[in-house]
């Protein structure tokens, strides 16, 4: 319960996930369902109040360790 004692306090949690592209729609939907249930359980909000958005970046637009994810994948194949 929130400080006022009301469960969830009518708060609308909004979650934004940034990740590299490449997962299936089924994987993304499953992840979003699990996150929704975690917020329902831990924050006491209704599932209908939870908003989740995925921002996907092409692998050539994400970099780790000075190499794009495309470059990293190519190097891993060698």
PDB file of N, CA and C in Angstrom:
ATOM      1  N   UNK A   1       0.833  -1.189   0.000  1.00  0.00           N
ATOM      2  CA  UNK A   1       0.000   0.000   0.000  1.00  0.00           C
ATOM      3  C   UNK A   1       0.871   1.242   0.000  1.00  0.00           C
ATOM      4  N   UNK A   2       0.386   2.268  -0.643  1.00  0.00           N
ATOM      5  CA  UNK A   2       1.119   3.517  -0.697  1.00  0.00           C
ATOM      6  C   UNK A   2       0.979   4.294   0.592  1.00  0.00           C
ATOM      7  N   UNK A   3       1.623   5.460   0.664  1.00  0.00           N
ATOM      8  CA  UNK A   3       1.590   6.270   1.879  1.00  0.00           C
ATOM      9  C   UNK A   3       0.178   6.630   2.322  1.00  0.00           C
ATOM     10  N   UNK A   4      -0.750   6.750   1.385  1.00  0.00           N
ATOM     11  CA  UNK A   4      -2.114   7.112   1.758  1.00  0.00           C
ATOM     12  C   UNK A   4      -2.913   5.893   2.194  1.00  0.00           C
ATOM     13  N   UNK A   5      -2.306   4.692   2.077  1.00  0.00           N
ATOM     14  CA  UNK A   5      -2.998   3.481   2.493  1.00  0.00           C
ATOM     15  C   UNK A   5      -3.844   2.842   1.414  1.00  0.00           C
ATOM     16  N   UNK A   6      -3.879   3.443   0.241  1.00  0.00           N
ATOM     17  CA  UNK A   6      -4.666   2.863  -0.850  1.00  0.00           C
ATOM     18  C   UNK A   6      -3.787   1.987  -1.707  1.00  0.00           C
ATOM     19  N   UNK A   7      -4.272   0.808  -2.012  1.00  0.00           N
ATOM     20  CA  UNK A   7      -3.514  -0.140  -2.831  1.00  0.00           C
ATOM     21  C   UNK A   7      -3.279   0.446  -4.224  1.00  0.00           C
ATOM     22  N   UNK A   8      -2.002   0.558  -4.610  1.00  0.00           N
ATOM     23  CA  UNK A   8      -1.658   1.012  -5.955  1.00  0.00           C
ATOM     24  C   UNK A   8      -1.817   2.493  -6.187  1.00  0.00           C
ATOM     25  N   UNK A   9      -2.628   3.162  -5.384  1.00  0.00           N
ATOM     26  CA  UNK A   9      -2.846   4.604  -5.467  1.00  0.00           C
ATOM     27  C   UNK A   9      -3.135   5.110  -6.869  1.00  0.00           C
ATOM     28  N   UNK A  10      -3.719   4.310  -7.718  1.00  0.00           N
ATOM     29  CA  UNK A  10      -4.067   4.719  -9.078  1.00  0.00           C
ATOM     30  C   UNK A  10      -2.868   5.199  -9.887  1.00  0.00           C
ATOM     31  N   UNK A  11      -1.690   4.745  -9.552  1.00  0.00           N
ATOM     32  CA  UNK A  11      -0.489   5.112 -10.301  1.00  0.00           C
ATOM     33  C   UNK A  11      -0.411   4.253 -11.551  1.00  0.00           C
ATOM     34  N   UNK A  12       0.003   4.861 -12.647  1.00  0.00           N
ATOM     35  CA  UNK A  12       0.157   4.122 -13.885  1.00  0.00           C
ATOM     36  C   UNK A  12       1.645   3.937 -14.142  1.00  0.00           C
ATOM     37  N   UNK A  13       2.203   2.780 -13.772  1.00  0.00           N
ATOM     38  CA  UNK A  13       3.617   2.580 -14.078  1.00  0.00           C
ATOM     39  C   UNK A  13       3.821   2.437 -15.583  1.00  0.00           C
ATOM     40  N   UNK A  14       4.814   3.134 -16.086  1.00  0.00           N
ATOM     41  CA  UNK A  14       5.154   3.042 -17.502  1.00  0.00           C
ATOM     42  C   UNK A  14       6.605   2.610 -17.607  1.00  0.00           C
ATOM     43  N   UNK A  15       6.831   1.501 -18.287  1.00  0.00           N
ATOM     44  CA  UNK A  15       8.147   0.900 -18.412  1.00  0.00           C
ATOM     45  C   UNK A  15       8.592   1.004 -19.859  1.00  0.00           C
ATOM     46  N   UNK A  16       9.822   1.487 -20.068  1.00  0.00           N
ATOM     47  CA  UNK A  16      10.410   1.535 -21.403  1.00  0.00           C
ATOM     48  C   UNK A  16      11.628   0.627 -21.408  1.00  0.00           C
ATOM     49  N   UNK A  17      11.685  -0.263 -22.380  1.00  0.00           N
ATOM     50  CA  UNK A  17      12.782  -1.216 -22.507  1.00  0.00           C
ATOM     51  C   UNK A  17      13.536  -0.902 -23.789  1.00  0.00           C
ATOM     52  N   UNK A  18      14.831  -0.694 -23.664  1.00  0.00           N
ATOM     53  CA  UNK A  18      15.675  -0.477 -24.838  1.00  0.00           C
ATOM     54  C   UNK A  18      16.490  -1.736 -25.055  1.00  0.00           C
ATOM     55  N   UNK A  19      16.462  -2.250 -26.286  1.00  0.00           N
ATOM     56  CA  UNK A  19      17.223  -3.462 -26.571  1.00  0.00           C
ATOM     57  C   UNK A  19      17.518  -3.562 -28.059  1.00  0.00           C
ATOM     58  N   UNK A  20      18.482  -4.408 -28.379  1.00  0.00           N
ATOM     59  CA  UNK A  20      18.813  -4.665 -29.774  1.00  0.00           C
ATOM     60  C   UNK A  20      17.693  -5.462 -30.418  1.00  0.00           C
ATOM     61  N   UNK A  21      17.481  -5.204 -31.692  1.00  0.00           N
ATOM     62  CA  UNK A  21      16.451  -5.946 -32.410  1.00  0.00           C
ATOM     63  C   UNK A  21      16.863  -7.407 -32.542  1.00  0.00           C
ATOM     64  N   UNK A  22      15.888  -8.251 -32.855  1.00  0.00           N
ATOM     65  CA  UNK A  22      16.217  -9.639 -33.141  1.00  0.00           C
ATOM     66  C   UNK A  22      15.381 -10.653 -32.394  1.00  0.00           C
ATOM     67  N   UNK A  23      14.629 -10.212 -31.393  1.00  0.00           N
ATOM     68  CA  UNK A  23      13.771 -11.162 -30.691  1.00  0.00           C
ATOM     69  C   UNK A  23      12.449 -11.292 -31.427  1.00  0.00           C
ATOM     70  N   UNK A  24      11.789 -12.427 -31.234  1.00  0.00           N
ATOM     71  CA  UNK A  24      10.500 -12.654 -31.898  1.00  0.00           C
ATOM     72  C   UNK A  24       9.399 -11.883 -31.172  1.00  0.00           C
ATOM     73  N   UNK A  25       8.296 -11.691 -31.862  1.00  0.00           N
ATOM     74  CA  UNK A  25       7.134 -11.052 -31.236  1.00  0.00           C
ATOM     75  C   UNK A  25       6.674 -11.858 -30.033  1.00  0.00           C
ATOM     76  N   UNK A  26       6.760 -13.178 -30.119  1.00  0.00           N
ATOM     77  CA  UNK A  26       6.338 -14.036 -29.010  1.00  0.00           C
ATOM     78  C   UNK A  26       7.238 -13.833 -27.799  1.00  0.00           C
ATOM     79  N   UNK A  27       8.551 -13.726 -28.017  1.00  0.00           N
ATOM     80  CA  UNK A  27       9.478 -13.482 -26.914  1.00  0.00           C
ATOM     81  C   UNK A  27       9.193 -12.139 -26.246  1.00  0.00           C
ATOM     82  N   UNK A  28       8.973 -11.124 -27.055  1.00  0.00           N
ATOM     83  CA  UNK A  28       8.717  -9.791 -26.515  1.00  0.00           C
ATOM     84  C   UNK A  28       7.397  -9.752 -25.749  1.00  0.00           C
ATOM     85  N   UNK A  29       6.374 -10.384 -26.289  1.00  0.00           N
ATOM     86  CA  UNK A  29       5.075 -10.408 -25.604  1.00  0.00           C
ATOM     87  C   UNK A  29       5.186 -11.149 -24.272  1.00  0.00           C
ATOM     88  N   UNK A  30       5.904 -12.268 -24.255  1.00  0.00           N
ATOM     89  CA  UNK A  30       6.092 -13.019 -23.014  1.00  0.00           C
ATOM     90  C   UNK A  30       6.823 -12.192 -21.973  1.00  0.00           C
ATOM     91  N   UNK A  31       7.866 -11.481 -22.383  1.00  0.00           N
ATOM     92  CA  UNK A  31       8.619 -10.625 -21.480  1.00  0.00           C
ATOM     93  C   UNK A  31       7.715  -9.533 -20.908  1.00  0.00           C
ATOM     94  N   UNK A  32       6.913  -8.913 -21.773  1.00  0.00           N
ATOM     95  CA  UNK A  32       6.033  -7.840 -21.313  1.00  0.00           C
ATOM     96  C   UNK A  32       4.962  -8.360 -20.358  1.00  0.00           C
ATOM     97  N   UNK A  33       4.445  -9.562 -20.620  1.00  0.00           N
ATOM     98  CA  UNK A  33       3.468 -10.162 -19.694  1.00  0.00           C
ATOM     99  C   UNK A  33       4.110 -10.405 -18.330  1.00  0.00           C
ATOM    100  N   UNK A  34       5.335 -10.946 -18.323  1.00  0.00           N
ATOM    101  CA  UNK A  34       6.028 -11.216 -17.058  1.00  0.00           C
ATOM    102  C   UNK A  34       6.304  -9.929 -16.289  1.00  0.00           C
ATOM    103  N   UNK A  35       6.720  -8.887 -16.990  1.00  0.00           N
ATOM    104  CA  UNK A  35       6.975  -7.604 -16.332  1.00  0.00           C
ATOM    105  C   UNK A  35       5.678  -7.045 -15.764  1.00  0.00           C
ATOM    106  N   UNK A  36       4.601  -7.138 -16.530  1.00  0.00           N
ATOM    107  CA  UNK A  36       3.299  -6.669 -16.051  1.00  0.00           C
ATOM    108  C   UNK A  36       2.934  -7.369 -14.755  1.00  0.00           C
ATOM    109  N   UNK A  37       3.080  -8.687 -14.722  1.00  0.00           N
ATOM    110  CA  UNK A  37       2.722  -9.438 -13.519  1.00  0.00           C
ATOM    111  C   UNK A  37       3.621  -9.079 -12.341  1.00  0.00           C
ATOM    112  N   UNK A  38       4.895  -8.788 -12.609  1.00  0.00           N
ATOM    113  CA  UNK A  38       5.800  -8.370 -11.532  1.00  0.00           C
ATOM    114  C   UNK A  38       5.338  -7.042 -10.927  1.00  0.00           C
ATOM    115  N   UNK A  39       4.865  -6.120 -11.769  1.00  0.00           N
ATOM    116  CA  UNK A  39       4.386  -4.840 -11.257  1.00  0.00           C
ATOM    117  C   UNK A  39       3.083  -5.003 -10.498  1.00  0.00           C
ATOM    118  N   UNK A  40       2.206  -5.859 -10.984  1.00  0.00           N
ATOM    119  CA  UNK A  40       0.954  -6.141 -10.282  1.00  0.00           C
ATOM    120  C   UNK A  40       1.270  -6.700  -8.892  1.00  0.00           C
ATOM    121  N   UNK A  41       2.182  -7.668  -8.838  1.00  0.00           N
ATOM    122  CA  UNK A  41       2.536  -8.320  -7.574  1.00  0.00           C
ATOM    123  C   UNK A  41       3.250  -7.369  -6.614  1.00  0.00           C
ATOM    124  N   UNK A  42       4.229  -6.640  -7.107  1.00  0.00           N
ATOM    125  CA  UNK A  42       5.094  -5.853  -6.223  1.00  0.00           C
ATOM    126  C   UNK A  42       4.629  -4.431  -5.964  1.00  0.00           C
ATOM    127  N   UNK A  43       3.861  -3.859  -6.889  1.00  0.00           N
ATOM    128  CA  UNK A  43       3.391  -2.484  -6.712  1.00  0.00           C
ATOM    129  C   UNK A  43       1.918  -2.394  -6.356  1.00  0.00           C
ATOM    130  N   UNK A  44       1.209  -3.502  -6.516  1.00  0.00           N
ATOM    131  CA  UNK A  44      -0.206  -3.503  -6.183  1.00  0.00           C
ATOM    132  C   UNK A  44      -1.067  -2.728  -7.162  1.00  0.00           C
ATOM    133  N   UNK A  45      -0.624  -2.625  -8.404  1.00  0.00           N
ATOM    134  CA  UNK A  45      -1.420  -1.931  -9.420  1.00  0.00           C
ATOM    135  C   UNK A  45      -2.201  -2.952 -10.241  1.00  0.00           C
ATOM    136  N   UNK A  46      -3.227  -2.491 -10.904  1.00  0.00           N
ATOM    137  CA  UNK A  46      -3.973  -3.358 -11.817  1.00  0.00           C
ATOM    138  C   UNK A  46      -3.179  -3.526 -13.100  1.00  0.00           C
ATOM    139  N   UNK A  47      -3.280  -4.694 -13.715  1.00  0.00           N
ATOM    140  CA  UNK A  47      -2.581  -4.946 -14.976  1.00  0.00           C
ATOM    141  C   UNK A  47      -2.980  -3.917 -16.027  1.00  0.00           C
ATOM    142  N   UNK A  48      -4.229  -3.486 -16.016  1.00  0.00           N
ATOM    143  CA  UNK A  48      -4.684  -2.497 -17.001  1.00  0.00           C
ATOM    144  C   UNK A  48      -4.003  -1.145 -16.836  1.00  0.00           C
ATOM    145  N   UNK A  49      -3.354  -0.901 -15.712  1.00  0.00           N
ATOM    146  CA  UNK A  49      -2.670   0.370 -15.489  1.00  0.00           C
ATOM    147  C   UNK A  49      -1.233   0.348 -16.003  1.00  0.00           C
ATOM    148  N   UNK A  50      -0.715  -0.826 -16.319  1.00  0.00           N
ATOM    149  CA  UNK A  50       0.683  -0.973 -16.706  1.00  0.00           C
ATOM    150  C   UNK A  50       0.858  -0.738 -18.206  1.00  0.00           C
ATOM    151  N   UNK A  51       1.776   0.163 -18.551  1.00  0.00           N
ATOM    152  CA  UNK A  51       2.105   0.442 -19.943  1.00  0.00           C
ATOM    153  C   UNK A  51       3.571   0.057 -20.155  1.00  0.00           C
ATOM    154  N   UNK A  52       3.837  -0.742 -21.175  1.00  0.00           N
ATOM    155  CA  UNK A  52       5.198  -1.160 -21.490  1.00  0.00           C
ATOM    156  C   UNK A  52       5.470  -0.853 -22.951  1.00  0.00           C
ATOM    157  N   UNK A  53       6.625  -0.263 -23.199  1.00  0.00           N
ATOM    158  CA  UNK A  53       7.034   0.055 -24.568  1.00  0.00           C
ATOM    159  C   UNK A  53       8.435  -0.494 -24.798  1.00  0.00           C
ATOM    160  N   UNK A  54       8.637  -1.109 -25.942  1.00  0.00           N
ATOM    161  CA  UNK A  54       9.958  -1.597 -26.318  1.00  0.00           C
ATOM    162  C   UNK A  54      10.513  -0.691 -27.409  1.00  0.00           C
ATOM    163  N   UNK A  55      11.716  -0.199 -27.190  1.00  0.00           N
ATOM    164  CA  UNK A  55      12.443   0.550 -28.212  1.00  0.00           C
ATOM    165  C   UNK A  55      13.563  -0.352 -28.705  1.00  0.00           C
ATOM    166  N   UNK A  56      13.486  -0.735 -29.971  1.00  0.00           N
ATOM    167  CA  UNK A  56      14.494  -1.624 -30.534  1.00  0.00           C
ATOM    168  C   UNK A  56      15.435  -0.836 -31.442  1.00  0.00           C
ATOM    169  N   UNK A  57      16.704  -1.180 -31.349  1.00  0.00           N
ATOM    170  CA  UNK A  57      17.709  -0.553 -32.197  1.00  0.00           C
ATOM    171  C   UNK A  57      18.272  -1.603 -33.148  1.00  0.00           C
ATOM    172  N   UNK A  58      18.482  -1.228 -34.416  1.00  0.00           N
ATOM    173  CA  UNK A  58      19.168  -2.149 -35.326  1.00  0.00           C
ATOM    174  C   UNK A  58      20.542  -2.481 -34.757  1.00  0.00           C
ATOM    175  N   UNK A  59      21.023  -3.680 -35.003  1.00  0.00           N
ATOM    176  CA  UNK A  59      22.309  -4.128 -34.468  1.00  0.00           C
ATOM    177  C   UNK A  59      23.457  -3.214 -34.894  1.00  0.00           C
ATOM    178  N   UNK A  60      23.331  -2.581 -36.048  1.00  0.00           N
ATOM    179  CA  UNK A  60      24.382  -1.678 -36.508  1.00  0.00           C
ATOM    180  C   UNK A  60      24.335  -0.348 -35.768  1.00  0.00           C
ATOM    181  N   UNK A  61      23.276  -0.095 -34.999  1.00  0.00           N
ATOM    182  CA  UNK A  61      23.135   1.157 -34.249  1.00  0.00           C
ATOM    183  C   UNK A  61      23.408   0.982 -32.764  1.00  0.00           C
ATOM    184  N   UNK A  62      23.835  -0.202 -32.344  1.00  0.00           N
ATOM    185  CA  UNK A  62      24.189  -0.445 -30.939  1.00  0.00           C
ATOM    186  C   UNK A  62      25.650  -0.852 -30.884  1.00  0.00           C
ATOM    187  N   UNK A  63      26.354  -0.335 -29.897  1.00  0.00           N
ATOM    188  CA  UNK A  63      27.782  -0.605 -29.788  1.00  0.00           C
ATOM    189  C   UNK A  63      28.119  -1.016 -28.364  1.00  0.00           C
ATOM    190  N   UNK A  64      29.054  -1.925 -28.258  1.00  0.00           N
ATOM    191  CA  UNK A  64      29.576  -2.356 -26.963  1.00  0.00           C
ATOM    192  C   UNK A  64      31.071  -2.572 -27.136  1.00  0.00           C
ATOM    193  N   UNK A  65      31.862  -2.009 -26.248  1.00  0.00           N
ATOM    194  CA  UNK A  65      33.303  -2.197 -26.334  1.00  0.00           C
ATOM    195  C   UNK A  65      33.929  -1.636 -27.597  1.00  0.00           C
ATOM    196  N   UNK A  66      33.321  -0.593 -28.176  1.00  0.00           N
ATOM    197  CA  UNK A  66      33.885   0.042 -29.364  1.00  0.00           C
ATOM    198  C   UNK A  66      33.562  -0.651 -30.671  1.00  0.00           C
ATOM    199  N   UNK A  67      32.707  -1.679 -30.624  1.00  0.00           N
ATOM    200  CA  UNK A  67      32.311  -2.382 -31.857  1.00  0.00           C
ATOM    201  C   UNK A  67      30.795  -2.479 -31.905  1.00  0.00           C
ATOM    202  N   UNK A  68      30.234  -2.276 -33.109  1.00  0.00           N
ATOM    203  CA  UNK A  68      28.796  -2.445 -33.243  1.00  0.00           C
ATOM    204  C   UNK A  68      28.451  -3.913 -33.020  1.00  0.00           C
ATOM    205  N   UNK A  69      27.208  -4.175 -32.747  1.00  0.00           N
ATOM    206  CA  UNK A  69      26.784  -5.560 -32.536  1.00  0.00           C
ATOM    207  C   UNK A  69      26.960  -6.384 -33.813  1.00  0.00           C
ATOM    208  N   UNK A  70      26.890  -5.749 -34.972  1.00  0.00           N
ATOM    209  CA  UNK A  70      27.153  -6.442 -36.249  1.00  0.00           C
ATOM    210  C   UNK A  70      28.623  -6.846 -36.300  1.00  0.00           C
ATOM    211  N   UNK A  71      29.502  -5.912 -35.940  1.00  0.00           N
ATOM    212  CA  UNK A  71      30.946  -6.200 -35.927  1.00  0.00           C
ATOM    213  C   UNK A  71      31.276  -7.283 -34.909  1.00  0.00           C
ATOM    214  N   UNK A  72      30.644  -7.224 -33.759  1.00  0.00           N
ATOM    215  CA  UNK A  72      30.886  -8.232 -32.721  1.00  0.00           C
ATOM    216  C   UNK A  72      30.443  -9.627 -33.187  1.00  0.00           C
ATOM    217  N   UNK A  73      29.290  -9.687 -33.864  1.00  0.00           N
ATOM    218  CA  UNK A  73      28.801 -10.976 -34.365  1.00  0.00           C
ATOM    219  C   UNK A  73      29.744 -11.532 -35.429  1.00  0.00           C
ATOM    220  N   UNK A  74      30.240 -10.648 -36.302  1.00  0.00           N
ATOM    221  CA  UNK A  74      31.171 -11.092 -37.351  1.00  0.00           C
ATOM    222  C   UNK A  74      32.470 -11.614 -36.736  1.00  0.00           C
ATOM    223  N   UNK A  75      32.960 -10.913 -35.716  1.00  0.00           N
ATOM    224  CA  UNK A  75      34.207 -11.345 -35.065  1.00  0.00           C
ATOM    225  C   UNK A  75      34.029 -12.673 -34.336  1.00  0.00           C
ATOM    226  N   UNK A  76      32.833 -12.907 -33.805  1.00  0.00           N
ATOM    227  CA  UNK A  76      32.579 -14.158 -33.072  1.00  0.00           C
ATOM    228  C   UNK A  76      32.551 -15.369 -34.016  1.00  0.00           C
ATOM    229  N   UNK A  77      32.240 -15.134 -35.291  1.00  0.00           N
ATOM    230  CA  UNK A  77      32.168 -16.235 -36.266  1.00  0.00           C
ATOM    231  C   UNK A  77      33.546 -16.660 -36.730  1.00  0.00           C
ATOM    232  N   UNK A  78      34.563 -15.856 -36.525  1.00  0.00           N
ATOM    233  CA  UNK A  78      35.919 -16.149 -37.003  1.00  0.00           C
ATOM    234  C   UNK A  78      36.620 -17.145 -36.113  1.00  0.00           C
TER     235      UNK A  78
END
